[in-house]
């Protein structure tokens, strides 16, 4: 019973670090899954059309007025303008949303010190 109290006290005192480590592990896993399964994510339905439009126009593509996609398309478009391969472009387009979510996570947890959000 005493060990359970010690574990509870440990978690209570290191709660912020635990949340940060869990978040980093989660986003690392998500990045890995998006990187490995980029074909399944990017060669079907809407992403394939968005990718083709970006490659064809060499510019941002805002379907249906989705202006928020500028953040997700910035990294793949930068690589496209530096003459990257199709595989590299699709990899970056697949993991780009994960980068954005990870940055938002870091801003909330480290910047605003809001670990419960």
PDB file of N, CA and C in Angstrom:
ATOM      1  N   UNK A   1       0.813  -1.193   0.000  1.00  0.00           N
ATOM      2  CA  UNK A   1       0.000   0.000   0.000  1.00  0.00           C
ATOM      3  C   UNK A   1       0.859   1.260   0.000  1.00  0.00           C
ATOM      4  N   UNK A   2       2.005   1.184   0.670  1.00  0.00           N
ATOM      5  CA  UNK A   2       2.903   2.321   0.748  1.00  0.00           C
ATOM      6  C   UNK A   2       3.473   2.667  -0.620  1.00  0.00           C
ATOM      7  N   UNK A   3       3.735   1.631  -1.474  1.00  0.00           N
ATOM      8  CA  UNK A   3       4.264   1.876  -2.818  1.00  0.00           C
ATOM      9  C   UNK A   3       3.248   2.616  -3.678  1.00  0.00           C
ATOM     10  N   UNK A   4       1.983   2.309  -3.500  1.00  0.00           N
ATOM     11  CA  UNK A   4       0.939   2.989  -4.274  1.00  0.00           C
ATOM     12  C   UNK A   4       0.903   4.470  -3.924  1.00  0.00           C
ATOM     13  N   UNK A   5       1.052   4.801  -2.666  1.00  0.00           N
ATOM     14  CA  UNK A   5       1.078   6.215  -2.263  1.00  0.00           C
ATOM     15  C   UNK A   5       2.301   6.912  -2.847  1.00  0.00           C
ATOM     16  N   UNK A   6       3.437   6.220  -2.888  1.00  0.00           N
ATOM     17  CA  UNK A   6       4.649   6.816  -3.454  1.00  0.00           C
ATOM     18  C   UNK A   6       4.501   7.044  -4.950  1.00  0.00           C
ATOM     19  N   UNK A   7       3.870   6.112  -5.644  1.00  0.00           N
ATOM     20  CA  UNK A   7       3.659   6.278  -7.090  1.00  0.00           C
ATOM     21  C   UNK A   7       2.716   7.452  -7.336  1.00  0.00           C
ATOM     22  N   UNK A   8       1.678   7.548  -6.522  1.00  0.00           N
ATOM     23  CA  UNK A   8       0.738   8.664  -6.661  1.00  0.00           C
ATOM     24  C   UNK A   8       1.410  10.002  -6.413  1.00  0.00           C
ATOM     25  N   UNK A   9       2.271  10.062  -5.391  1.00  0.00           N
ATOM     26  CA  UNK A   9       2.994  11.309  -5.105  1.00  0.00           C
ATOM     27  C   UNK A   9       3.975  11.636  -6.218  1.00  0.00           C
ATOM     28  N   UNK A  10       4.604  10.605  -6.774  1.00  0.00           N
ATOM     29  CA  UNK A  10       5.547  10.816  -7.882  1.00  0.00           C
ATOM     30  C   UNK A  10       4.827  11.378  -9.098  1.00  0.00           C
ATOM     31  N   UNK A  11       3.683  10.791  -9.435  1.00  0.00           N
ATOM     32  CA  UNK A  11       2.918  11.269 -10.593  1.00  0.00           C
ATOM     33  C   UNK A  11       2.430  12.691 -10.357  1.00  0.00           C
ATOM     34  N   UNK A  12       2.002  12.973  -9.131  1.00  0.00           N
ATOM     35  CA  UNK A  12       1.520  14.310  -8.819  1.00  0.00           C
ATOM     36  C   UNK A  12       2.608  15.370  -8.967  1.00  0.00           C
ATOM     37  N   UNK A  13       3.820  15.054  -8.526  1.00  0.00           N
ATOM     38  CA  UNK A  13       4.898  16.036  -8.588  1.00  0.00           C
ATOM     39  C   UNK A  13       5.490  16.160  -9.988  1.00  0.00           C
ATOM     40  N   UNK A  14       5.405  15.115 -10.774  1.00  0.00           N
ATOM     41  CA  UNK A  14       5.981  15.126 -12.126  1.00  0.00           C
ATOM     42  C   UNK A  14       4.913  15.102 -13.216  1.00  0.00           C
ATOM     43  N   UNK A  15       3.744  15.589 -12.902  1.00  0.00           N
ATOM     44  CA  UNK A  15       2.611  15.563 -13.827  1.00  0.00           C
ATOM     45  C   UNK A  15       2.922  16.300 -15.132  1.00  0.00           C
ATOM     46  N   UNK A  16       3.503  17.473 -15.045  1.00  0.00           N
ATOM     47  CA  UNK A  16       3.779  18.281 -16.233  1.00  0.00           C
ATOM     48  C   UNK A  16       4.755  17.577 -17.171  1.00  0.00           C
ATOM     49  N   UNK A  17       5.805  17.020 -16.602  1.00  0.00           N
ATOM     50  CA  UNK A  17       6.782  16.306 -17.434  1.00  0.00           C
ATOM     51  C   UNK A  17       6.169  15.061 -18.041  1.00  0.00           C
ATOM     52  N   UNK A  18       5.321  14.376 -17.285  1.00  0.00           N
ATOM     53  CA  UNK A  18       4.669  13.172 -17.785  1.00  0.00           C
ATOM     54  C   UNK A  18       3.772  13.495 -18.981  1.00  0.00           C
ATOM     55  N   UNK A  19       3.005  14.568 -18.887  1.00  0.00           N
ATOM     56  CA  UNK A  19       2.144  14.984 -19.997  1.00  0.00           C
ATOM     57  C   UNK A  19       2.981  15.337 -21.219  1.00  0.00           C
ATOM     58  N   UNK A  20       4.068  16.059 -21.014  1.00  0.00           N
ATOM     59  CA  UNK A  20       4.935  16.449 -22.124  1.00  0.00           C
ATOM     60  C   UNK A  20       5.567  15.230 -22.790  1.00  0.00           C
ATOM     61  N   UNK A  21       6.067  14.291 -21.987  1.00  0.00           N
ATOM     62  CA  UNK A  21       6.682  13.086 -22.547  1.00  0.00           C
ATOM     63  C   UNK A  21       5.647  12.243 -23.281  1.00  0.00           C
ATOM     64  N   UNK A  22       4.446  12.107 -22.715  1.00  0.00           N
ATOM     65  CA  UNK A  22       3.394  11.339 -23.388  1.00  0.00           C
ATOM     66  C   UNK A  22       3.009  11.983 -24.716  1.00  0.00           C
ATOM     67  N   UNK A  23       2.939  13.303 -24.737  1.00  0.00           N
ATOM     68  CA  UNK A  23       2.607  14.000 -25.977  1.00  0.00           C
ATOM     69  C   UNK A  23       3.676  13.823 -27.037  1.00  0.00           C
ATOM     70  N   UNK A  24       4.943  13.918 -26.638  1.00  0.00           N
ATOM     71  CA  UNK A  24       6.036  13.742 -27.599  1.00  0.00           C
ATOM     72  C   UNK A  24       6.044  12.308 -28.133  1.00  0.00           C
ATOM     73  N   UNK A  25       5.821  11.337 -27.260  1.00  0.00           N
ATOM     74  CA  UNK A  25       5.759   9.942 -27.717  1.00  0.00           C
ATOM     75  C   UNK A  25       4.586   9.718 -28.657  1.00  0.00           C
ATOM     76  N   UNK A  26       3.441  10.316 -28.353  1.00  0.00           N
ATOM     77  CA  UNK A  26       2.274  10.191 -29.215  1.00  0.00           C
ATOM     78  C   UNK A  26       2.541  10.778 -30.604  1.00  0.00           C
ATOM     79  N   UNK A  27       3.087  11.978 -30.656  1.00  0.00           N
ATOM     80  CA  UNK A  27       3.336  12.607 -31.949  1.00  0.00           C
ATOM     81  C   UNK A  27       4.465  11.909 -32.708  1.00  0.00           C
ATOM     82  N   UNK A  28       5.431  11.336 -32.009  1.00  0.00           N
ATOM     83  CA  UNK A  28       6.476  10.553 -32.670  1.00  0.00           C
ATOM     84  C   UNK A  28       5.874   9.317 -33.321  1.00  0.00           C
ATOM     85  N   UNK A  29       4.997   8.638 -32.596  1.00  0.00           N
ATOM     86  CA  UNK A  29       4.314   7.470 -33.161  1.00  0.00           C
ATOM     87  C   UNK A  29       3.455   7.870 -34.354  1.00  0.00           C
ATOM     88  N   UNK A  30       2.720   8.951 -34.226  1.00  0.00           N
ATOM     89  CA  UNK A  30       1.860   9.416 -35.311  1.00  0.00           C
ATOM     90  C   UNK A  30       2.682   9.805 -36.536  1.00  0.00           C
ATOM     91  N   UNK A  31       3.818  10.479 -36.316  1.00  0.00           N
ATOM     92  CA  UNK A  31       4.720  10.831 -37.415  1.00  0.00           C
ATOM     93  C   UNK A  31       5.216   9.577 -38.128  1.00  0.00           C
ATOM     94  N   UNK A  32       5.624   8.579 -37.343  1.00  0.00           N
ATOM     95  CA  UNK A  32       6.123   7.327 -37.909  1.00  0.00           C
ATOM     96  C   UNK A  32       5.047   6.630 -38.748  1.00  0.00           C
ATOM     97  N   UNK A  33       3.829   6.572 -38.242  1.00  0.00           N
ATOM     98  CA  UNK A  33       2.736   5.928 -38.984  1.00  0.00           C
ATOM     99  C   UNK A  33       2.436   6.694 -40.272  1.00  0.00           C
ATOM    100  N   UNK A  34       2.410   8.019 -40.202  1.00  0.00           N
ATOM    101  CA  UNK A  34       2.142   8.823 -41.405  1.00  0.00           C
ATOM    102  C   UNK A  34       3.268   8.697 -42.418  1.00  0.00           C
ATOM    103  N   UNK A  35       4.502   8.566 -41.945  1.00  0.00           N
ATOM    104  CA  UNK A  35       5.641   8.430 -42.844  1.00  0.00           C
ATOM    105  C   UNK A  35       5.619   7.076 -43.554  1.00  0.00           C
ATOM    106  N   UNK A  36       5.332   6.024 -42.815  1.00  0.00           N
ATOM    107  CA  UNK A  36       5.346   4.668 -43.376  1.00  0.00           C
ATOM    108  C   UNK A  36       4.164   4.448 -44.316  1.00  0.00           C
ATOM    109  N   UNK A  37       2.991   4.918 -43.935  1.00  0.00           N
ATOM    110  CA  UNK A  37       1.783   4.680 -44.729  1.00  0.00           C
ATOM    111  C   UNK A  37       1.404   5.907 -45.563  1.00  0.00           C
ATOM    112  N   UNK A  38       2.407   6.574 -46.130  1.00  0.00           N
ATOM    113  CA  UNK A  38       2.119   7.798 -46.888  1.00  0.00           C
ATOM    114  C   UNK A  38       1.325   7.505 -48.158  1.00  0.00           C
ATOM    115  N   UNK A  39       1.545   6.365 -48.768  1.00  0.00           N
ATOM    116  CA  UNK A  39       0.788   6.038 -49.993  1.00  0.00           C
ATOM    117  C   UNK A  39      -0.690   5.857 -49.690  1.00  0.00           C
ATOM    118  N   UNK A  40      -0.977   5.140 -48.608  1.00  0.00           N
ATOM    119  CA  UNK A  40      -2.374   4.929 -48.238  1.00  0.00           C
ATOM    120  C   UNK A  40      -3.057   6.241 -47.883  1.00  0.00           C
ATOM    121  N   UNK A  41      -2.303   7.176 -47.342  1.00  0.00           N
ATOM    122  CA  UNK A  41      -2.875   8.466 -46.954  1.00  0.00           C
ATOM    123  C   UNK A  41      -3.002   9.437 -48.121  1.00  0.00           C
ATOM    124  N   UNK A  42      -2.081   9.373 -49.077  1.00  0.00           N
ATOM    125  CA  UNK A  42      -1.980  10.444 -50.067  1.00  0.00           C
ATOM    126  C   UNK A  42      -2.416  10.073 -51.490  1.00  0.00           C
ATOM    127  N   UNK A  43      -2.631   8.808 -51.779  1.00  0.00           N
ATOM    128  CA  UNK A  43      -2.936   8.429 -53.161  1.00  0.00           C
ATOM    129  C   UNK A  43      -4.412   8.114 -53.347  1.00  0.00           C
ATOM    130  N   UNK A  44      -5.235   8.462 -52.404  1.00  0.00           N
ATOM    131  CA  UNK A  44      -6.663   8.191 -52.560  1.00  0.00           C
ATOM    132  C   UNK A  44      -7.475   9.445 -52.270  1.00  0.00           C
ATOM    133  N   UNK A  45      -8.549   9.573 -52.992  1.00  0.00           N
ATOM    134  CA  UNK A  45      -9.554  10.606 -52.778  1.00  0.00           C
ATOM    135  C   UNK A  45      -8.990  12.031 -52.841  1.00  0.00           C
ATOM    136  N   UNK A  46      -9.340  12.869 -51.893  1.00  0.00           N
ATOM    137  CA  UNK A  46      -8.990  14.283 -51.931  1.00  0.00           C
ATOM    138  C   UNK A  46      -7.487  14.574 -51.922  1.00  0.00           C
ATOM    139  N   UNK A  47      -6.678  13.925 -51.088  1.00  0.00           N
ATOM    140  CA  UNK A  47      -5.255  14.281 -51.074  1.00  0.00           C
ATOM    141  C   UNK A  47      -4.561  14.101 -52.419  1.00  0.00           C
ATOM    142  N   UNK A  48      -4.977  13.116 -53.186  1.00  0.00           N
ATOM    143  CA  UNK A  48      -4.349  12.938 -54.496  1.00  0.00           C
ATOM    144  C   UNK A  48      -4.689  14.098 -55.424  1.00  0.00           C
ATOM    145  N   UNK A  49      -5.928  14.563 -55.374  1.00  0.00           N
ATOM    146  CA  UNK A  49      -6.322  15.703 -56.191  1.00  0.00           C
ATOM    147  C   UNK A  49      -5.602  16.973 -55.739  1.00  0.00           C
ATOM    148  N   UNK A  50      -5.497  17.180 -54.422  1.00  0.00           N
ATOM    149  CA  UNK A  50      -4.796  18.353 -53.901  1.00  0.00           C
ATOM    150  C   UNK A  50      -3.326  18.307 -54.295  1.00  0.00           C
ATOM    151  N   UNK A  51      -2.715  17.137 -54.184  1.00  0.00           N
ATOM    152  CA  UNK A  51      -1.299  16.983 -54.548  1.00  0.00           C
ATOM    153  C   UNK A  51      -1.090  17.287 -56.019  1.00  0.00           C
ATOM    154  N   UNK A  52      -1.961  16.735 -56.858  1.00  0.00           N
ATOM    155  CA  UNK A  52      -1.824  16.959 -58.296  1.00  0.00           C
ATOM    156  C   UNK A  52      -1.967  18.445 -58.630  1.00  0.00           C
ATOM    157  N   UNK A  53      -2.925  19.128 -58.013  1.00  0.00           N
ATOM    158  CA  UNK A  53      -3.108  20.555 -58.270  1.00  0.00           C
ATOM    159  C   UNK A  53      -1.892  21.360 -57.824  1.00  0.00           C
ATOM    160  N   UNK A  54      -1.327  21.011 -56.667  1.00  0.00           N
ATOM    161  CA  UNK A  54      -0.144  21.729 -56.184  1.00  0.00           C
ATOM    162  C   UNK A  54       1.044  21.501 -57.112  1.00  0.00           C
ATOM    163  N   UNK A  55       1.228  20.258 -57.567  1.00  0.00           N
ATOM    164  CA  UNK A  55       2.345  19.952 -58.466  1.00  0.00           C
ATOM    165  C   UNK A  55       2.143  20.635 -59.809  1.00  0.00           C
ATOM    166  N   UNK A  56       0.916  20.627 -60.302  1.00  0.00           N
ATOM    167  CA  UNK A  56       0.621  21.224 -61.604  1.00  0.00           C
ATOM    168  C   UNK A  56       0.781  22.746 -61.579  1.00  0.00           C
ATOM    169  N   UNK A  57       0.252  23.380 -60.548  1.00  0.00           N
ATOM    170  CA  UNK A  57       0.292  24.840 -60.469  1.00  0.00           C
ATOM    171  C   UNK A  57       1.550  25.384 -59.804  1.00  0.00           C
ATOM    172  N   UNK A  58       2.267  24.513 -59.063  1.00  0.00           N
ATOM    173  CA  UNK A  58       3.426  24.926 -58.265  1.00  0.00           C
ATOM    174  C   UNK A  58       3.066  26.099 -57.353  1.00  0.00           C
ATOM    175  N   UNK A  59       1.902  25.971 -56.747  1.00  0.00           N
ATOM    176  CA  UNK A  59       1.405  27.001 -55.845  1.00  0.00           C
ATOM    177  C   UNK A  59       0.425  26.359 -54.863  1.00  0.00           C
ATOM    178  N   UNK A  60      -0.009  27.137 -53.874  1.00  0.00           N
ATOM    179  CA  UNK A  60      -0.987  26.641 -52.918  1.00  0.00           C
ATOM    180  C   UNK A  60      -2.293  26.326 -53.632  1.00  0.00           C
ATOM    181  N   UNK A  61      -3.028  25.375 -53.104  1.00  0.00           N
ATOM    182  CA  UNK A  61      -4.326  25.013 -53.654  1.00  0.00           C
ATOM    183  C   UNK A  61      -5.343  25.076 -52.528  1.00  0.00           C
ATOM    184  N   UNK A  62      -6.340  25.937 -52.677  1.00  0.00           N
ATOM    185  CA  UNK A  62      -7.361  26.123 -51.644  1.00  0.00           C
ATOM    186  C   UNK A  62      -8.711  25.641 -52.151  1.00  0.00           C
ATOM    187  N   UNK A  63      -8.997  24.356 -51.989  1.00  0.00           N
ATOM    188  CA  UNK A  63     -10.294  23.867 -52.457  1.00  0.00           C
ATOM    189  C   UNK A  63     -11.421  24.323 -51.541  1.00  0.00           C
ATOM    190  N   UNK A  64     -12.486  24.775 -52.127  1.00  0.00           N
ATOM    191  CA  UNK A  64     -13.680  25.188 -51.386  1.00  0.00           C
ATOM    192  C   UNK A  64     -13.384  26.262 -50.341  1.00  0.00           C
ATOM    193  N   UNK A  65     -12.384  27.088 -50.594  1.00  0.00           N
ATOM    194  CA  UNK A  65     -12.054  28.178 -49.687  1.00  0.00           C
ATOM    195  C   UNK A  65     -11.452  27.725 -48.366  1.00  0.00           C
ATOM    196  N   UNK A  66     -10.759  26.614 -48.348  1.00  0.00           N
ATOM    197  CA  UNK A  66     -10.134  26.114 -47.119  1.00  0.00           C
ATOM    198  C   UNK A  66      -8.787  26.820 -46.919  1.00  0.00           C
ATOM    199  N   UNK A  67      -8.828  28.027 -46.422  1.00  0.00           N
ATOM    200  CA  UNK A  67      -7.610  28.830 -46.278  1.00  0.00           C
ATOM    201  C   UNK A  67      -6.670  28.289 -45.206  1.00  0.00           C
ATOM    202  N   UNK A  68      -7.182  27.474 -44.310  1.00  0.00           N
ATOM    203  CA  UNK A  68      -6.341  26.890 -43.278  1.00  0.00           C
ATOM    204  C   UNK A  68      -5.347  25.878 -43.815  1.00  0.00           C
ATOM    205  N   UNK A  69      -5.570  25.410 -45.030  1.00  0.00           N
ATOM    206  CA  UNK A  69      -4.653  24.421 -45.600  1.00  0.00           C
ATOM    207  C   UNK A  69      -3.310  25.027 -46.009  1.00  0.00           C
ATOM    208  N   UNK A  70      -3.185  26.347 -45.938  1.00  0.00           N
ATOM    209  CA  UNK A  70      -1.913  26.979 -46.278  1.00  0.00           C
ATOM    210  C   UNK A  70      -0.803  26.501 -45.344  1.00  0.00           C
ATOM    211  N   UNK A  71      -1.122  26.256 -44.084  1.00  0.00           N
ATOM    212  CA  UNK A  71      -0.111  25.799 -43.138  1.00  0.00           C
ATOM    213  C   UNK A  71       0.337  24.371 -43.450  1.00  0.00           C
ATOM    214  N   UNK A  72      -0.603  23.534 -43.848  1.00  0.00           N
ATOM    215  CA  UNK A  72      -0.284  22.146 -44.158  1.00  0.00           C
ATOM    216  C   UNK A  72       0.459  22.039 -45.492  1.00  0.00           C
ATOM    217  N   UNK A  73       0.150  22.905 -46.422  1.00  0.00           N
ATOM    218  CA  UNK A  73       0.760  22.834 -47.745  1.00  0.00           C
ATOM    219  C   UNK A  73       2.097  23.553 -47.842  1.00  0.00           C
ATOM    220  N   UNK A  74       2.478  24.315 -46.843  1.00  0.00           N
ATOM    221  CA  UNK A  74       3.703  25.120 -46.918  1.00  0.00           C
ATOM    222  C   UNK A  74       4.957  24.262 -47.039  1.00  0.00           C
ATOM    223  N   UNK A  75       5.107  23.264 -46.210  1.00  0.00           N
ATOM    224  CA  UNK A  75       6.305  22.418 -46.222  1.00  0.00           C
ATOM    225  C   UNK A  75       6.440  21.617 -47.519  1.00  0.00           C
ATOM    226  N   UNK A  76       5.389  20.927 -47.990  1.00  0.00           N
ATOM    227  CA  UNK A  76       5.536  20.210 -49.262  1.00  0.00           C
ATOM    228  C   UNK A  76       5.765  21.148 -50.453  1.00  0.00           C
ATOM    229  N   UNK A  77       5.139  22.321 -50.416  1.00  0.00           N
ATOM    230  CA  UNK A  77       5.324  23.265 -51.521  1.00  0.00           C
ATOM    231  C   UNK A  77       6.745  23.812 -51.541  1.00  0.00           C
ATOM    232  N   UNK A  78       7.320  24.055 -50.377  1.00  0.00           N
ATOM    233  CA  UNK A  78       8.712  24.501 -50.302  1.00  0.00           C
ATOM    234  C   UNK A  78       9.640  23.439 -50.890  1.00  0.00           C
ATOM    235  N   UNK A  79       9.392  22.188 -50.565  1.00  0.00           N
ATOM    236  CA  UNK A  79      10.199  21.099 -51.128  1.00  0.00           C
ATOM    237  C   UNK A  79       9.971  20.968 -52.635  1.00  0.00           C
ATOM    238  N   UNK A  80       8.740  21.169 -53.078  1.00  0.00           N
ATOM    239  CA  UNK A  80       8.428  21.079 -54.503  1.00  0.00           C
ATOM    240  C   UNK A  80       9.152  22.165 -55.297  1.00  0.00           C
ATOM    241  N   UNK A  81       9.233  23.351 -54.743  1.00  0.00           N
ATOM    242  CA  UNK A  81       9.937  24.432 -55.432  1.00  0.00           C
ATOM    243  C   UNK A  81      11.440  24.212 -55.457  1.00  0.00           C
ATOM    244  N   UNK A  82      11.940  23.310 -54.593  1.00  0.00           N
ATOM    245  CA  UNK A  82      13.359  22.931 -54.619  1.00  0.00           C
ATOM    246  C   UNK A  82      13.586  21.635 -55.393  1.00  0.00           C
ATOM    247  N   UNK A  83      12.641  21.297 -56.266  1.00  0.00           N
ATOM    248  CA  UNK A  83      12.733  20.153 -57.180  1.00  0.00           C
ATOM    249  C   UNK A  83      12.901  18.813 -56.464  1.00  0.00           C
ATOM    250  N   UNK A  84      12.049  18.558 -55.493  1.00  0.00           N
ATOM    251  CA  UNK A  84      12.096  17.266 -54.791  1.00  0.00           C
ATOM    252  C   UNK A  84      11.387  16.207 -55.643  1.00  0.00           C
ATOM    253  N   UNK A  85      11.586  14.960 -55.277  1.00  0.00           N
ATOM    254  CA  UNK A  85      10.932  13.865 -55.994  1.00  0.00           C
ATOM    255  C   UNK A  85       9.468  13.766 -55.556  1.00  0.00           C
ATOM    256  N   UNK A  86       8.705  12.996 -56.317  1.00  0.00           N
ATOM    257  CA  UNK A  86       7.292  12.808 -55.987  1.00  0.00           C
ATOM    258  C   UNK A  86       7.146  12.097 -54.638  1.00  0.00           C
ATOM    259  N   UNK A  87       7.993  11.136 -54.392  1.00  0.00           N
ATOM    260  CA  UNK A  87       7.949  10.411 -53.123  1.00  0.00           C
ATOM    261  C   UNK A  87       8.210  11.342 -51.942  1.00  0.00           C
ATOM    262  N   UNK A  88       9.209  12.193 -52.058  1.00  0.00           N
ATOM    263  CA  UNK A  88       9.514  13.149 -50.999  1.00  0.00           C
ATOM    264  C   UNK A  88       8.353  14.116 -50.789  1.00  0.00           C
ATOM    265  N   UNK A  89       7.785  14.581 -51.876  1.00  0.00           N
ATOM    266  CA  UNK A  89       6.640  15.493 -51.793  1.00  0.00           C
ATOM    267  C   UNK A  89       5.473  14.841 -51.063  1.00  0.00           C
ATOM    268  N   UNK A  90       5.157  13.596 -51.422  1.00  0.00           N
ATOM    269  CA  UNK A  90       4.040  12.907 -50.786  1.00  0.00           C
ATOM    270  C   UNK A  90       4.332  12.577 -49.324  1.00  0.00           C
ATOM    271  N   UNK A  91       5.580  12.220 -49.019  1.00  0.00           N
ATOM    272  CA  UNK A  91       5.953  12.003 -47.617  1.00  0.00           C
ATOM    273  C   UNK A  91       5.728  13.278 -46.795  1.00  0.00           C
ATOM    274  N   UNK A  92       6.217  14.391 -47.306  1.00  0.00           N
ATOM    275  CA  UNK A  92       6.083  15.651 -46.572  1.00  0.00           C
ATOM    276  C   UNK A  92       4.625  16.101 -46.466  1.00  0.00           C
ATOM    277  N   UNK A  93       3.863  15.858 -47.515  1.00  0.00           N
ATOM    278  CA  UNK A  93       2.448  16.222 -47.481  1.00  0.00           C
ATOM    279  C   UNK A  93       1.690  15.344 -46.488  1.00  0.00           C
ATOM    280  N   UNK A  94       2.153  14.115 -46.304  1.00  0.00           N
ATOM    281  CA  UNK A  94       1.523  13.202 -45.362  1.00  0.00           C
ATOM    282  C   UNK A  94       1.813  13.576 -43.912  1.00  0.00           C
ATOM    283  N   UNK A  95       3.040  13.976 -43.621  1.00  0.00           N
ATOM    284  CA  UNK A  95       3.414  14.280 -42.226  1.00  0.00           C
ATOM    285  C   UNK A  95       3.236  15.751 -41.860  1.00  0.00           C
ATOM    286  N   UNK A  96       2.961  16.593 -42.816  1.00  0.00           N
ATOM    287  CA  UNK A  96       2.833  18.024 -42.556  1.00  0.00           C
ATOM    288  C   UNK A  96       1.764  18.366 -41.508  1.00  0.00           C
ATOM    289  N   UNK A  97       0.578  17.762 -41.534  1.00  0.00           N
ATOM    290  CA  UNK A  97      -0.388  18.086 -40.479  1.00  0.00           C
ATOM    291  C   UNK A  97       0.107  17.700 -39.086  1.00  0.00           C
ATOM    292  N   UNK A  98       0.897  16.638 -39.005  1.00  0.00           N
ATOM    293  CA  UNK A  98       1.424  16.209 -37.714  1.00  0.00           C
ATOM    294  C   UNK A  98       2.379  17.264 -37.160  1.00  0.00           C
ATOM    295  N   UNK A  99       3.204  17.857 -38.027  1.00  0.00           N
ATOM    296  CA  UNK A  99       4.074  18.951 -37.588  1.00  0.00           C
ATOM    297  C   UNK A  99       3.262  20.110 -37.026  1.00  0.00           C
ATOM    298  N   UNK A 100       2.193  20.464 -37.710  1.00  0.00           N
ATOM    299  CA  UNK A 100       1.355  21.582 -37.268  1.00  0.00           C
ATOM    300  C   UNK A 100       0.736  21.265 -35.905  1.00  0.00           C
ATOM    301  N   UNK A 101       0.182  20.077 -35.753  1.00  0.00           N
ATOM    302  CA  UNK A 101      -0.433  19.695 -34.478  1.00  0.00           C
ATOM    303  C   UNK A 101       0.609  19.632 -33.362  1.00  0.00           C
ATOM    304  N   UNK A 102       1.806  19.169 -33.685  1.00  0.00           N
ATOM    305  CA  UNK A 102       2.862  19.092 -32.686  1.00  0.00           C
ATOM    306  C   UNK A 102       3.294  20.494 -32.237  1.00  0.00           C
ATOM    307  N   UNK A 103       3.383  21.411 -33.174  1.00  0.00           N
ATOM    308  CA  UNK A 103       3.729  22.791 -32.822  1.00  0.00           C
ATOM    309  C   UNK A 103       2.646  23.402 -31.935  1.00  0.00           C
ATOM    310  N   UNK A 104       1.381  23.148 -32.259  1.00  0.00           N
ATOM    311  CA  UNK A 104       0.280  23.646 -31.427  1.00  0.00           C
ATOM    312  C   UNK A 104       0.359  23.034 -30.029  1.00  0.00           C
ATOM    313  N   UNK A 105       0.652  21.739 -29.955  1.00  0.00           N
ATOM    314  CA  UNK A 105       0.805  21.065 -28.665  1.00  0.00           C
ATOM    315  C   UNK A 105       1.916  21.713 -27.840  1.00  0.00           C
ATOM    316  N   UNK A 106       3.052  21.990 -28.478  1.00  0.00           N
ATOM    317  CA  UNK A 106       4.169  22.607 -27.756  1.00  0.00           C
ATOM    318  C   UNK A 106       3.845  24.025 -27.301  1.00  0.00           C
ATOM    319  N   UNK A 107       3.142  24.777 -28.128  1.00  0.00           N
ATOM    320  CA  UNK A 107       2.758  26.141 -27.748  1.00  0.00           C
ATOM    321  C   UNK A 107       1.844  26.114 -26.536  1.00  0.00           C
ATOM    322  N   UNK A 108       0.891  25.188 -26.527  1.00  0.00           N
ATOM    323  CA  UNK A 108      -0.055  25.118 -25.404  1.00  0.00           C
ATOM    324  C   UNK A 108       0.630  24.628 -24.137  1.00  0.00           C
ATOM    325  N   UNK A 109       1.421  23.561 -24.250  1.00  0.00           N
ATOM    326  CA  UNK A 109       2.000  22.980 -23.037  1.00  0.00           C
ATOM    327  C   UNK A 109       3.196  23.767 -22.514  1.00  0.00           C
ATOM    328  N   UNK A 110       4.108  24.142 -23.385  1.00  0.00           N
ATOM    329  CA  UNK A 110       5.311  24.838 -22.926  1.00  0.00           C
ATOM    330  C   UNK A 110       5.103  26.351 -22.897  1.00  0.00           C
ATOM    331  N   UNK A 111       4.542  26.892 -23.969  1.00  0.00           N
ATOM    332  CA  UNK A 111       4.369  28.336 -24.058  1.00  0.00           C
ATOM    333  C   UNK A 111       3.349  28.873 -23.063  1.00  0.00           C
ATOM    334  N   UNK A 112       2.148  28.277 -23.064  1.00  0.00           N
ATOM    335  CA  UNK A 112       1.086  28.755 -22.183  1.00  0.00           C
ATOM    336  C   UNK A 112       1.082  28.040 -20.830  1.00  0.00           C
ATOM    337  N   UNK A 113       1.920  27.010 -20.698  1.00  0.00           N
ATOM    338  CA  UNK A 113       1.996  26.206 -19.462  1.00  0.00           C
ATOM    339  C   UNK A 113       0.625  25.660 -19.051  1.00  0.00           C
ATOM    340  N   UNK A 114      -0.136  25.248 -20.049  1.00  0.00           N
ATOM    341  CA  UNK A 114      -1.440  24.657 -19.805  1.00  0.00           C
ATOM    342  C   UNK A 114      -1.351  23.167 -20.115  1.00  0.00           C
ATOM    343  N   UNK A 115      -1.031  22.381 -19.119  1.00  0.00           N
ATOM    344  CA  UNK A 115      -0.804  20.966 -19.332  1.00  0.00           C
ATOM    345  C   UNK A 115      -2.091  20.154 -19.349  1.00  0.00           C
ATOM    346  N   UNK A 116      -3.146  20.696 -18.874  1.00  0.00           N
ATOM    347  CA  UNK A 116      -4.424  19.957 -18.848  1.00  0.00           C
ATOM    348  C   UNK A 116      -5.201  20.111 -20.144  1.00  0.00           C
ATOM    349  N   UNK A 117      -4.824  21.026 -20.996  1.00  0.00           N
ATOM    350  CA  UNK A 117      -5.523  21.204 -22.256  1.00  0.00           C
ATOM    351  C   UNK A 117      -5.134  20.096 -23.168  1.00  0.00           C
TER     352      UNK A 117
END
